[in-house]
Amino acid sequence: MTDSRDSPIIDLPDVTLVAATSVALDATLAAMRASSIRIRFGRSLLLSDVPPDTVTENGIEWREIAPLRSREAYSRFMLRDLAEHIHTSHVLCVQWDGFVLDASRWESAFLEYDYIGAPWPHFSDGHDVGNGGFSLRSRRLLEACATIDHDGRMSEDVTICRQARAMLEKRYGMRFAPAEVARRFAYERCPAHGVEFGFHGVFNMPDILGARRFRALLESLDRDVIGLREARDLRWWAIRHLDPVLAWKMVWQARNARRRRR
């Protein structure tokens, strides 16, 4: 994360910073604080069923919503209900494992699009933008998403950017950022190049925070927050970096994730 005290503050009055969650509240607040370094948003909202201990710092407001206890509940909220909380032209969606890295990498051209998220390297059909965990969305996209027929099987970002993208473009004229713009906006499973505005993915956090700070973060999380795939990714990171403590933690995390699937 970059915190240059000499860099100018970026005013984004037309962007609301938002996080919606029922888990990892402290880590989510930390992500919102990191995203607010050298950026002044029009508004900052934490949407959760549980009020955190401290919310007023950095101008973060808490607003109560129904519990989001599953991926399906989160996706349903993001598609159906998020729009009613947003009154700016755009919203920057963050999660505990996805936030701003370098405010100076912000581009005003990002606001020309209705959706930007880190590219997905596993799709090669042109519909590869992108990840929703750290994403910029227009309010008109939020309103259009309420018309999507969502059955709960796919995550909300895949629903928006793949299942419903053609409809959103044709019926509502939505503009999805091209991959080259999305790569400057954020990274997830593509390699980082040090020029990105932000990132998403717990498997990227050891490199961002350092192993010691990351292990401390893990201790603050409920054990069911990290899924099987993420645990495997983190285990391989630990093996490559000769970190046996983290490697064994992720072995147990993966076992717990398998039990939850049964």
C-alpha atoms as a PDB file:
ATOM      1  CA  MET A   1       0.000   0.000   0.000  1.00  0.00           C
ATOM      2  CA  THR A   2       1.261   3.448  -0.858  1.00  0.00           C
ATOM      3  CA  ASP A   3       0.859   6.275   1.646  1.00  0.00           C
ATOM      4  CA  SER A   4       2.801   9.196   0.239  1.00  0.00           C
ATOM      5  CA  ARG A   5       2.225  12.224   2.445  1.00  0.00           C
ATOM      6  CA  ASP A   6       3.409  14.442  -0.414  1.00  0.00           C
ATOM      7  CA  SER A   7       0.901  13.192  -2.979  1.00  0.00           C
ATOM      8  CA  PRO A   8      -2.224  15.316  -3.446  1.00  0.00           C
ATOM      9  CA  ILE A   9      -5.564  14.267  -2.029  1.00  0.00           C
ATOM     10  CA  ILE A  10      -7.891  13.011  -4.745  1.00  0.00           C
ATOM     11  CA  ASP A  11     -11.442  14.321  -4.522  1.00  0.00           C
ATOM     12  CA  LEU A  12     -14.069  11.844  -5.718  1.00  0.00           C
ATOM     13  CA  PRO A  13     -17.377  13.490  -4.748  1.00  0.00           C
ATOM     14  CA  ASP A  14     -19.295  11.355  -7.242  1.00  0.00           C
ATOM     15  CA  VAL A  15     -18.034   8.055  -5.814  1.00  0.00           C
ATOM     16  CA  THR A  16     -19.326   6.265  -2.712  1.00  0.00           C
ATOM     17  CA  LEU A  17     -16.962   3.852  -0.989  1.00  0.00           C
ATOM     18  CA  VAL A  18     -18.987   0.850   0.158  1.00  0.00           C
ATOM     19  CA  ALA A  19     -18.523  -2.533   1.809  1.00  0.00           C
ATOM     20  CA  ALA A  20     -21.366  -4.965   2.502  1.00  0.00           C
ATOM     21  CA  THR A  21     -20.636  -7.796   4.923  1.00  0.00           C
ATOM     22  CA  SER A  22     -21.622  -9.831   7.948  1.00  0.00           C
ATOM     23  CA  VAL A  23     -18.121 -11.217   8.560  1.00  0.00           C
ATOM     24  CA  ALA A  24     -14.607  -9.898   9.180  1.00  0.00           C
ATOM     25  CA  LEU A  25     -15.864  -6.486  10.291  1.00  0.00           C
ATOM     26  CA  ASP A  26     -12.526  -5.278  11.664  1.00  0.00           C
ATOM     27  CA  ALA A  27     -10.676  -6.380   8.534  1.00  0.00           C
ATOM     28  CA  THR A  28     -13.356  -4.777   6.375  1.00  0.00           C
ATOM     29  CA  LEU A  29     -12.985  -1.481   8.225  1.00  0.00           C
ATOM     30  CA  ALA A  30      -9.216  -1.722   7.741  1.00  0.00           C
ATOM     31  CA  ALA A  31      -9.805  -2.157   4.004  1.00  0.00           C
ATOM     32  CA  MET A  32     -12.048   0.910   3.954  1.00  0.00           C
ATOM     33  CA  ARG A  33      -9.448   2.934   5.837  1.00  0.00           C
ATOM     34  CA  ALA A  34      -6.717   1.810   3.430  1.00  0.00           C
ATOM     35  CA  SER A  35      -8.927   2.794   0.505  1.00  0.00           C
ATOM     36  CA  SER A  36      -9.405   6.270   1.982  1.00  0.00           C
ATOM     37  CA  ILE A  37      -5.697   7.113   2.179  1.00  0.00           C
ATOM     38  CA  ARG A  38      -5.259  10.245   0.033  1.00  0.00           C
ATOM     39  CA  ILE A  39      -8.817   9.906  -1.347  1.00  0.00           C
ATOM     40  CA  ARG A  40     -11.859  11.933  -0.296  1.00  0.00           C
ATOM     41  CA  PHE A  41     -14.994  10.039  -1.318  1.00  0.00           C
ATOM     42  CA  GLY A  42     -18.451  11.562  -1.580  1.00  0.00           C
ATOM     43  CA  ARG A  43     -19.543   9.091   1.078  1.00  0.00           C
ATOM     44  CA  SER A  44     -18.236   5.976   2.836  1.00  0.00           C
ATOM     45  CA  LEU A  45     -20.747   3.301   3.866  1.00  0.00           C
ATOM     46  CA  LEU A  46     -20.341   0.098   5.833  1.00  0.00           C
ATOM     47  CA  LEU A  47     -23.475  -1.988   5.235  1.00  0.00           C
ATOM     48  CA  SER A  48     -23.808  -4.727   7.831  1.00  0.00           C
ATOM     49  CA  ASP A  49     -26.204  -6.360  10.262  1.00  0.00           C
ATOM     50  CA  VAL A  50     -23.688  -5.856  13.083  1.00  0.00           C
ATOM     51  CA  PRO A  51     -22.411  -2.414  14.107  1.00  0.00           C
ATOM     52  CA  PRO A  52     -18.631  -2.294  14.525  1.00  0.00           C
ATOM     53  CA  ASP A  53     -17.038  -0.794  17.617  1.00  0.00           C
ATOM     54  CA  THR A  54     -15.751   2.274  15.765  1.00  0.00           C
ATOM     55  CA  VAL A  55     -17.296   3.634  12.611  1.00  0.00           C
ATOM     56  CA  THR A  56     -16.949   7.389  12.634  1.00  0.00           C
ATOM     57  CA  GLU A  57     -13.243   7.415  11.770  1.00  0.00           C
ATOM     58  CA  ASN A  58     -12.469   8.443   8.194  1.00  0.00           C
ATOM     59  CA  GLY A  59     -16.107   9.494   7.859  1.00  0.00           C
ATOM     60  CA  ILE A  60     -17.289   5.878   7.590  1.00  0.00           C
ATOM     61  CA  GLU A  61     -21.014   5.508   8.262  1.00  0.00           C
ATOM     62  CA  TRP A  62     -22.677   2.283   9.376  1.00  0.00           C
ATOM     63  CA  ARG A  63     -26.062   1.354   7.961  1.00  0.00           C
ATOM     64  CA  GLU A  64     -27.943  -1.719   9.125  1.00  0.00           C
ATOM     65  CA  ILE A  65     -28.977  -4.343   6.581  1.00  0.00           C
ATOM     66  CA  ALA A  66     -30.219  -7.927   6.763  1.00  0.00           C
ATOM     67  CA  PRO A  67     -27.548 -10.550   7.533  1.00  0.00           C
ATOM     68  CA  LEU A  68     -25.388 -11.730   4.628  1.00  0.00           C
ATOM     69  CA  ARG A  69     -24.509 -15.230   5.810  1.00  0.00           C
ATOM     70  CA  SER A  70     -23.897 -16.909   2.464  1.00  0.00           C
ATOM     71  CA  ARG A  71     -22.537 -16.222  -0.996  1.00  0.00           C
ATOM     72  CA  GLU A  72     -26.103 -16.382  -2.290  1.00  0.00           C
ATOM     73  CA  ALA A  73     -27.311 -13.757   0.200  1.00  0.00           C
ATOM     74  CA  TYR A  74     -24.398 -11.464  -0.662  1.00  0.00           C
ATOM     75  CA  SER A  75     -25.002 -11.806  -4.394  1.00  0.00           C
ATOM     76  CA  ARG A  76     -28.715 -11.183  -3.983  1.00  0.00           C
ATOM     77  CA  PHE A  77     -28.023  -8.014  -1.980  1.00  0.00           C
ATOM     78  CA  MET A  78     -25.495  -6.666  -4.469  1.00  0.00           C
ATOM     79  CA  LEU A  79     -27.867  -7.276  -7.371  1.00  0.00           C
ATOM     80  CA  ARG A  80     -31.178  -6.278  -5.817  1.00  0.00           C
ATOM     81  CA  ASP A  81     -30.608  -3.940  -2.889  1.00  0.00           C
ATOM     82  CA  LEU A  82     -27.325  -2.051  -3.174  1.00  0.00           C
ATOM     83  CA  ALA A  83     -28.788   0.658  -5.432  1.00  0.00           C
ATOM     84  CA  GLU A  84     -31.093   2.011  -2.726  1.00  0.00           C
ATOM     85  CA  HIS A  85     -28.075   2.938  -0.585  1.00  0.00           C
ATOM     86  CA  ILE A  86     -26.140   4.757  -3.327  1.00  0.00           C
ATOM     87  CA  HIS A  87     -26.857   8.358  -4.352  1.00  0.00           C
ATOM     88  CA  THR A  88     -23.656   9.158  -6.249  1.00  0.00           C
ATOM     89  CA  SER A  89     -22.988   8.378  -9.896  1.00  0.00           C
ATOM     90  CA  HIS A  90     -20.548   5.578  -9.013  1.00  0.00           C
ATOM     91  CA  VAL A  91     -19.688   3.242  -6.175  1.00  0.00           C
ATOM     92  CA  LEU A  92     -16.341   1.677  -5.305  1.00  0.00           C
ATOM     93  CA  CYS A  93     -17.065  -1.748  -3.808  1.00  0.00           C
ATOM     94  CA  VAL A  94     -14.413  -3.118  -1.472  1.00  0.00           C
ATOM     95  CA  GLN A  95     -14.090  -6.198   0.716  1.00  0.00           C
ATOM     96  CA  TRP A  96     -11.790  -7.155   3.579  1.00  0.00           C
ATOM     97  CA  ASP A  97      -9.466  -8.763   1.022  1.00  0.00           C
ATOM     98  CA  GLY A  98      -9.742  -6.151  -1.709  1.00  0.00           C
ATOM     99  CA  PHE A  99      -8.981  -2.441  -1.452  1.00  0.00           C
ATOM    100  CA  VAL A 100      -7.046   0.528  -2.847  1.00  0.00           C
ATOM    101  CA  LEU A 101      -3.275   0.067  -3.016  1.00  0.00           C
ATOM    102  CA  ASP A 102      -2.116   3.339  -4.549  1.00  0.00           C
ATOM    103  CA  ALA A 103      -4.435   6.338  -4.783  1.00  0.00           C
ATOM    104  CA  SER A 104      -2.114   8.039  -7.271  1.00  0.00           C
ATOM    105  CA  ARG A 105      -3.041   5.343  -9.805  1.00  0.00           C
ATOM    106  CA  TRP A 106      -6.621   6.574  -9.970  1.00  0.00           C
ATOM    107  CA  GLU A 107      -7.663   7.665 -13.470  1.00  0.00           C
ATOM    108  CA  SER A 108     -10.598   9.972 -14.114  1.00  0.00           C
ATOM    109  CA  ALA A 109     -11.277   7.861 -17.215  1.00  0.00           C
ATOM    110  CA  PHE A 110     -12.421   5.045 -14.915  1.00  0.00           C
ATOM    111  CA  LEU A 111     -15.655   6.985 -14.437  1.00  0.00           C
ATOM    112  CA  GLU A 112     -16.435   6.638 -18.140  1.00  0.00           C
ATOM    113  CA  TYR A 113     -17.411   3.010 -17.539  1.00  0.00           C
ATOM    114  CA  ASP A 114     -20.327   1.365 -15.796  1.00  0.00           C
ATOM    115  CA  TYR A 115     -18.245  -1.555 -14.516  1.00  0.00           C
ATOM    116  CA  ILE A 116     -14.556  -2.163 -13.890  1.00  0.00           C
ATOM    117  CA  GLY A 117     -13.037  -5.099 -12.033  1.00  0.00           C
ATOM    118  CA  ALA A 118      -9.804  -7.060 -12.219  1.00  0.00           C
ATOM    119  CA  PRO A 119      -9.628  -9.212 -15.383  1.00  0.00           C
ATOM    120  CA  TRP A 120     -10.264 -12.942 -15.163  1.00  0.00           C
ATOM    121  CA  PRO A 121      -7.404 -14.784 -16.928  1.00  0.00           C
ATOM    122  CA  HIS A 122      -9.391 -18.035 -17.187  1.00  0.00           C
ATOM    123  CA  PHE A 123     -11.855 -16.519 -19.678  1.00  0.00           C
ATOM    124  CA  SER A 124     -10.716 -15.796 -23.227  1.00  0.00           C
ATOM    125  CA  ASP A 125     -13.973 -14.875 -24.956  1.00  0.00           C
ATOM    126  CA  GLY A 126     -13.738 -11.123 -24.364  1.00  0.00           C
ATOM    127  CA  HIS A 127     -16.063 -11.232 -21.354  1.00  0.00           C
ATOM    128  CA  ASP A 128     -13.202 -11.261 -18.863  1.00  0.00           C
ATOM    129  CA  VAL A 129     -13.911  -8.049 -16.883  1.00  0.00           C
ATOM    130  CA  GLY A 130     -14.217  -8.720 -14.146  1.00  0.00           C
ATOM    131  CA  ASN A 131     -13.926  -9.427 -10.454  1.00  0.00           C
ATOM    132  CA  GLY A 132     -16.491  -7.771  -8.186  1.00  0.00           C
ATOM    133  CA  GLY A 133     -14.717  -7.916  -4.821  1.00  0.00           C
ATOM    134  CA  PHE A 134     -12.904  -4.689  -5.689  1.00  0.00           C
ATOM    135  CA  SER A 135     -14.897  -3.009  -8.417  1.00  0.00           C
ATOM    136  CA  LEU A 136     -16.189   0.336  -9.649  1.00  0.00           C
ATOM    137  CA  ARG A 137     -19.844   0.384 -10.713  1.00  0.00           C
ATOM    138  CA  SER A 138     -22.197   3.082 -11.897  1.00  0.00           C
ATOM    139  CA  ARG A 139     -25.489   3.673 -10.150  1.00  0.00           C
ATOM    140  CA  ARG A 140     -27.348   3.072 -13.381  1.00  0.00           C
ATOM    141  CA  LEU A 141     -25.723  -0.366 -13.548  1.00  0.00           C
ATOM    142  CA  LEU A 142     -26.933  -1.067 -10.001  1.00  0.00           C
ATOM    143  CA  GLU A 143     -30.461  -0.135 -11.055  1.00  0.00           C
ATOM    144  CA  ALA A 144     -30.271  -2.296 -14.181  1.00  0.00           C
ATOM    145  CA  CYS A 145     -29.004  -5.267 -12.169  1.00  0.00           C
ATOM    146  CA  ALA A 146     -32.344  -5.424 -10.368  1.00  0.00           C
ATOM    147  CA  THR A 147     -33.856  -6.696 -13.634  1.00  0.00           C
ATOM    148  CA  ILE A 148     -31.481  -9.665 -13.886  1.00  0.00           C
ATOM    149  CA  ASP A 149     -33.031 -13.078 -13.348  1.00  0.00           C
ATOM    150  CA  HIS A 150     -30.608 -14.449 -10.749  1.00  0.00           C
ATOM    151  CA  ASP A 151     -31.076 -18.018  -9.549  1.00  0.00           C
ATOM    152  CA  GLY A 152     -28.319 -17.938  -6.932  1.00  0.00           C
ATOM    153  CA  ARG A 153     -26.057 -20.500  -8.557  1.00  0.00           C
ATOM    154  CA  MET A 154     -23.469 -17.994  -9.778  1.00  0.00           C
ATOM    155  CA  SER A 155     -21.754 -15.209  -7.885  1.00  0.00           C
ATOM    156  CA  GLU A 156     -23.011 -11.716  -8.567  1.00  0.00           C
ATOM    157  CA  ASP A 157     -19.939 -10.599 -10.492  1.00  0.00           C
ATOM    158  CA  VAL A 158     -20.076 -13.585 -12.852  1.00  0.00           C
ATOM    159  CA  THR A 159     -23.805 -12.980 -13.263  1.00  0.00           C
ATOM    160  CA  ILE A 160     -23.258  -9.326 -14.205  1.00  0.00           C
ATOM    161  CA  CYS A 161     -20.137  -9.693 -16.320  1.00  0.00           C
ATOM    162  CA  ARG A 162     -20.856 -12.950 -18.116  1.00  0.00           C
ATOM    163  CA  GLN A 163     -24.403 -14.240 -17.822  1.00  0.00           C
ATOM    164  CA  ALA A 164     -26.139 -10.859 -18.172  1.00  0.00           C
ATOM    165  CA  ARG A 165     -23.480  -8.739 -19.860  1.00  0.00           C
ATOM    166  CA  ALA A 166     -24.924  -8.940 -23.376  1.00  0.00           C
ATOM    167  CA  MET A 167     -28.368  -7.986 -22.080  1.00  0.00           C
ATOM    168  CA  LEU A 168     -26.981  -5.103 -20.026  1.00  0.00           C
ATOM    169  CA  GLU A 169     -25.063  -3.757 -23.016  1.00  0.00           C
ATOM    170  CA  LYS A 170     -27.919  -4.102 -25.498  1.00  0.00           C
ATOM    171  CA  ARG A 171     -30.885  -3.071 -23.355  1.00  0.00           C
ATOM    172  CA  TYR A 172     -29.264  -0.436 -21.146  1.00  0.00           C
ATOM    173  CA  GLY A 173     -26.137   0.590 -23.048  1.00  0.00           C
ATOM    174  CA  MET A 174     -23.815  -0.413 -20.222  1.00  0.00           C
ATOM    175  CA  ARG A 175     -20.097   0.042 -20.794  1.00  0.00           C
ATOM    176  CA  PHE A 176     -17.732  -2.561 -19.387  1.00  0.00           C
ATOM    177  CA  ALA A 177     -14.107  -1.459 -19.233  1.00  0.00           C
ATOM    178  CA  PRO A 178     -11.777  -3.151 -21.723  1.00  0.00           C
ATOM    179  CA  ALA A 179      -9.196  -5.499 -20.261  1.00  0.00           C
ATOM    180  CA  GLU A 180      -6.306  -3.063 -20.706  1.00  0.00           C
ATOM    181  CA  VAL A 181      -8.117  -0.467 -18.573  1.00  0.00           C
ATOM    182  CA  ALA A 182      -9.194  -3.094 -16.044  1.00  0.00           C
ATOM    183  CA  ARG A 183      -5.570  -4.232 -15.664  1.00  0.00           C
ATOM    184  CA  ARG A 184      -4.616  -0.724 -14.558  1.00  0.00           C
ATOM    185  CA  PHE A 185      -7.574  -0.620 -12.207  1.00  0.00           C
ATOM    186  CA  ALA A 186      -6.871  -3.815 -10.270  1.00  0.00           C
ATOM    187  CA  TYR A 187      -5.388  -7.289 -10.249  1.00  0.00           C
ATOM    188  CA  GLU A 188      -6.598 -10.541  -8.754  1.00  0.00           C
ATOM    189  CA  ARG A 189      -5.349 -13.722 -10.430  1.00  0.00           C
ATOM    190  CA  CYS A 190      -3.235 -11.966 -13.058  1.00  0.00           C
ATOM    191  CA  PRO A 191       0.330 -10.990 -12.101  1.00  0.00           C
ATOM    192  CA  ALA A 192       0.726  -7.624 -10.395  1.00  0.00           C
ATOM    193  CA  HIS A 193       2.849  -5.035 -12.192  1.00  0.00           C
ATOM    194  CA  GLY A 194       2.978  -2.361  -9.502  1.00  0.00           C
ATOM    195  CA  VAL A 195       0.861   0.110 -11.454  1.00  0.00           C
ATOM    196  CA  GLU A 196      -2.584  -0.963 -10.276  1.00  0.00           C
ATOM    197  CA  PHE A 197      -5.032   1.203  -8.331  1.00  0.00           C
ATOM    198  CA  GLY A 198      -6.159  -1.736  -6.189  1.00  0.00           C
ATOM    199  CA  PHE A 199      -6.411  -5.502  -5.861  1.00  0.00           C
ATOM    200  CA  HIS A 200      -8.610  -8.352  -4.710  1.00  0.00           C
ATOM    201  CA  GLY A 201      -7.832 -11.767  -3.239  1.00  0.00           C
ATOM    202  CA  VAL A 202      -6.666 -12.996   0.144  1.00  0.00           C
ATOM    203  CA  PHE A 203      -3.966 -14.999  -1.671  1.00  0.00           C
ATOM    204  CA  ASN A 204      -2.372 -11.667  -2.692  1.00  0.00           C
ATOM    205  CA  MET A 205      -2.309 -10.260   0.823  1.00  0.00           C
ATOM    206  CA  PRO A 206       0.914 -11.859   2.152  1.00  0.00           C
ATOM    207  CA  ASP A 207       2.861  -9.978  -0.527  1.00  0.00           C
ATOM    208  CA  ILE A 208       1.017  -6.748   0.270  1.00  0.00           C
ATOM    209  CA  LEU A 209       1.049  -6.896   4.075  1.00  0.00           C
ATOM    210  CA  GLY A 210       4.065  -9.090   4.689  1.00  0.00           C
ATOM    211  CA  ALA A 211       3.863 -12.535   6.270  1.00  0.00           C
ATOM    212  CA  ARG A 212       3.837 -11.360   9.893  1.00  0.00           C
ATOM    213  CA  ARG A 213       1.032  -8.807   9.469  1.00  0.00           C
ATOM    214  CA  PHE A 214      -0.903 -11.264   7.361  1.00  0.00           C
ATOM    215  CA  ARG A 215      -0.700 -13.985  10.020  1.00  0.00           C
ATOM    216  CA  ALA A 216      -1.985 -11.457  12.573  1.00  0.00           C
ATOM    217  CA  LEU A 217      -4.881 -10.682  10.254  1.00  0.00           C
ATOM    218  CA  LEU A 218      -5.695 -14.375   9.952  1.00  0.00           C
ATOM    219  CA  GLU A 219      -5.917 -14.654  13.729  1.00  0.00           C
ATOM    220  CA  SER A 220      -8.666 -12.013  13.739  1.00  0.00           C
ATOM    221  CA  LEU A 221     -10.850 -13.885  11.240  1.00  0.00           C
ATOM    222  CA  ASP A 222     -13.482 -16.518  11.896  1.00  0.00           C
ATOM    223  CA  ARG A 223     -12.214 -19.842  10.589  1.00  0.00           C
ATOM    224  CA  ASP A 224     -14.991 -20.149   7.987  1.00  0.00           C
ATOM    225  CA  VAL A 225     -14.126 -16.876   6.217  1.00  0.00           C
ATOM    226  CA  ILE A 226     -11.405 -18.380   4.000  1.00  0.00           C
ATOM    227  CA  GLY A 227     -12.611 -21.001   1.542  1.00  0.00           C
ATOM    228  CA  LEU A 228     -10.961 -24.137   0.215  1.00  0.00           C
ATOM    229  CA  ARG A 229      -9.513 -22.614  -2.950  1.00  0.00           C
ATOM    230  CA  GLU A 230      -8.076 -19.620  -1.101  1.00  0.00           C
ATOM    231  CA  ALA A 231      -6.561 -21.891   1.559  1.00  0.00           C
ATOM    232  CA  ARG A 232      -4.827 -23.921  -1.140  1.00  0.00           C
ATOM    233  CA  ASP A 233      -3.495 -20.772  -2.817  1.00  0.00           C
ATOM    234  CA  LEU A 234      -2.150 -19.486   0.489  1.00  0.00           C
ATOM    235  CA  ARG A 235      -0.558 -22.840   1.295  1.00  0.00           C
ATOM    236  CA  TRP A 236       1.388 -22.765  -1.966  1.00  0.00           C
ATOM    237  CA  TRP A 237       2.449 -19.175  -1.280  1.00  0.00           C
ATOM    238  CA  ALA A 238       3.739 -20.290   2.132  1.00  0.00           C
ATOM    239  CA  ILE A 239       5.625 -23.233   0.630  1.00  0.00           C
ATOM    240  CA  ARG A 240       7.267 -21.028  -2.001  1.00  0.00           C
ATOM    241  CA  HIS A 241       8.286 -18.495   0.642  1.00  0.00           C
ATOM    242  CA  LEU A 242       9.475 -21.104   3.165  1.00  0.00           C
ATOM    243  CA  ASP A 243       6.837 -20.165   5.724  1.00  0.00           C
ATOM    244  CA  PRO A 244       5.961 -23.454   7.495  1.00  0.00           C
ATOM    245  CA  VAL A 245       3.726 -21.773  10.093  1.00  0.00           C
ATOM    246  CA  LEU A 246       1.412 -20.325   7.467  1.00  0.00           C
ATOM    247  CA  ALA A 247       1.582 -23.523   5.405  1.00  0.00           C
ATOM    248  CA  TRP A 248       0.310 -25.639   8.312  1.00  0.00           C
ATOM    249  CA  LYS A 249      -2.377 -23.079   9.142  1.00  0.00           C
ATOM    250  CA  MET A 250      -3.660 -23.388   5.597  1.00  0.00           C
ATOM    251  CA  VAL A 251      -3.586 -27.198   5.716  1.00  0.00           C
ATOM    252  CA  TRP A 252      -5.975 -27.047   8.673  1.00  0.00           C
ATOM    253  CA  GLN A 253      -7.984 -24.278   7.021  1.00  0.00           C
ATOM    254  CA  ALA A 254      -8.460 -26.444   3.924  1.00  0.00           C
ATOM    255  CA  ARG A 255      -9.599 -29.367   6.079  1.00  0.00           C
ATOM    256  CA  ASN A 256     -12.160 -27.170   7.803  1.00  0.00           C
ATOM    257  CA  ALA A 257     -13.387 -25.891   4.437  1.00  0.00           C
ATOM    258  CA  ARG A 258     -13.853 -29.467   3.179  1.00  0.00           C
ATOM    259  CA  ARG A 259     -15.887 -30.350   6.280  1.00  0.00           C
ATOM    260  CA  ARG A 260     -18.169 -27.351   5.696  1.00  0.00           C
ATOM    261  CA  ARG A 261     -18.849 -28.548   2.162  1.00  0.00           C
ATOM    262  CA  ARG A 262     -20.164 -31.920   3.351  1.00  0.00           C
END
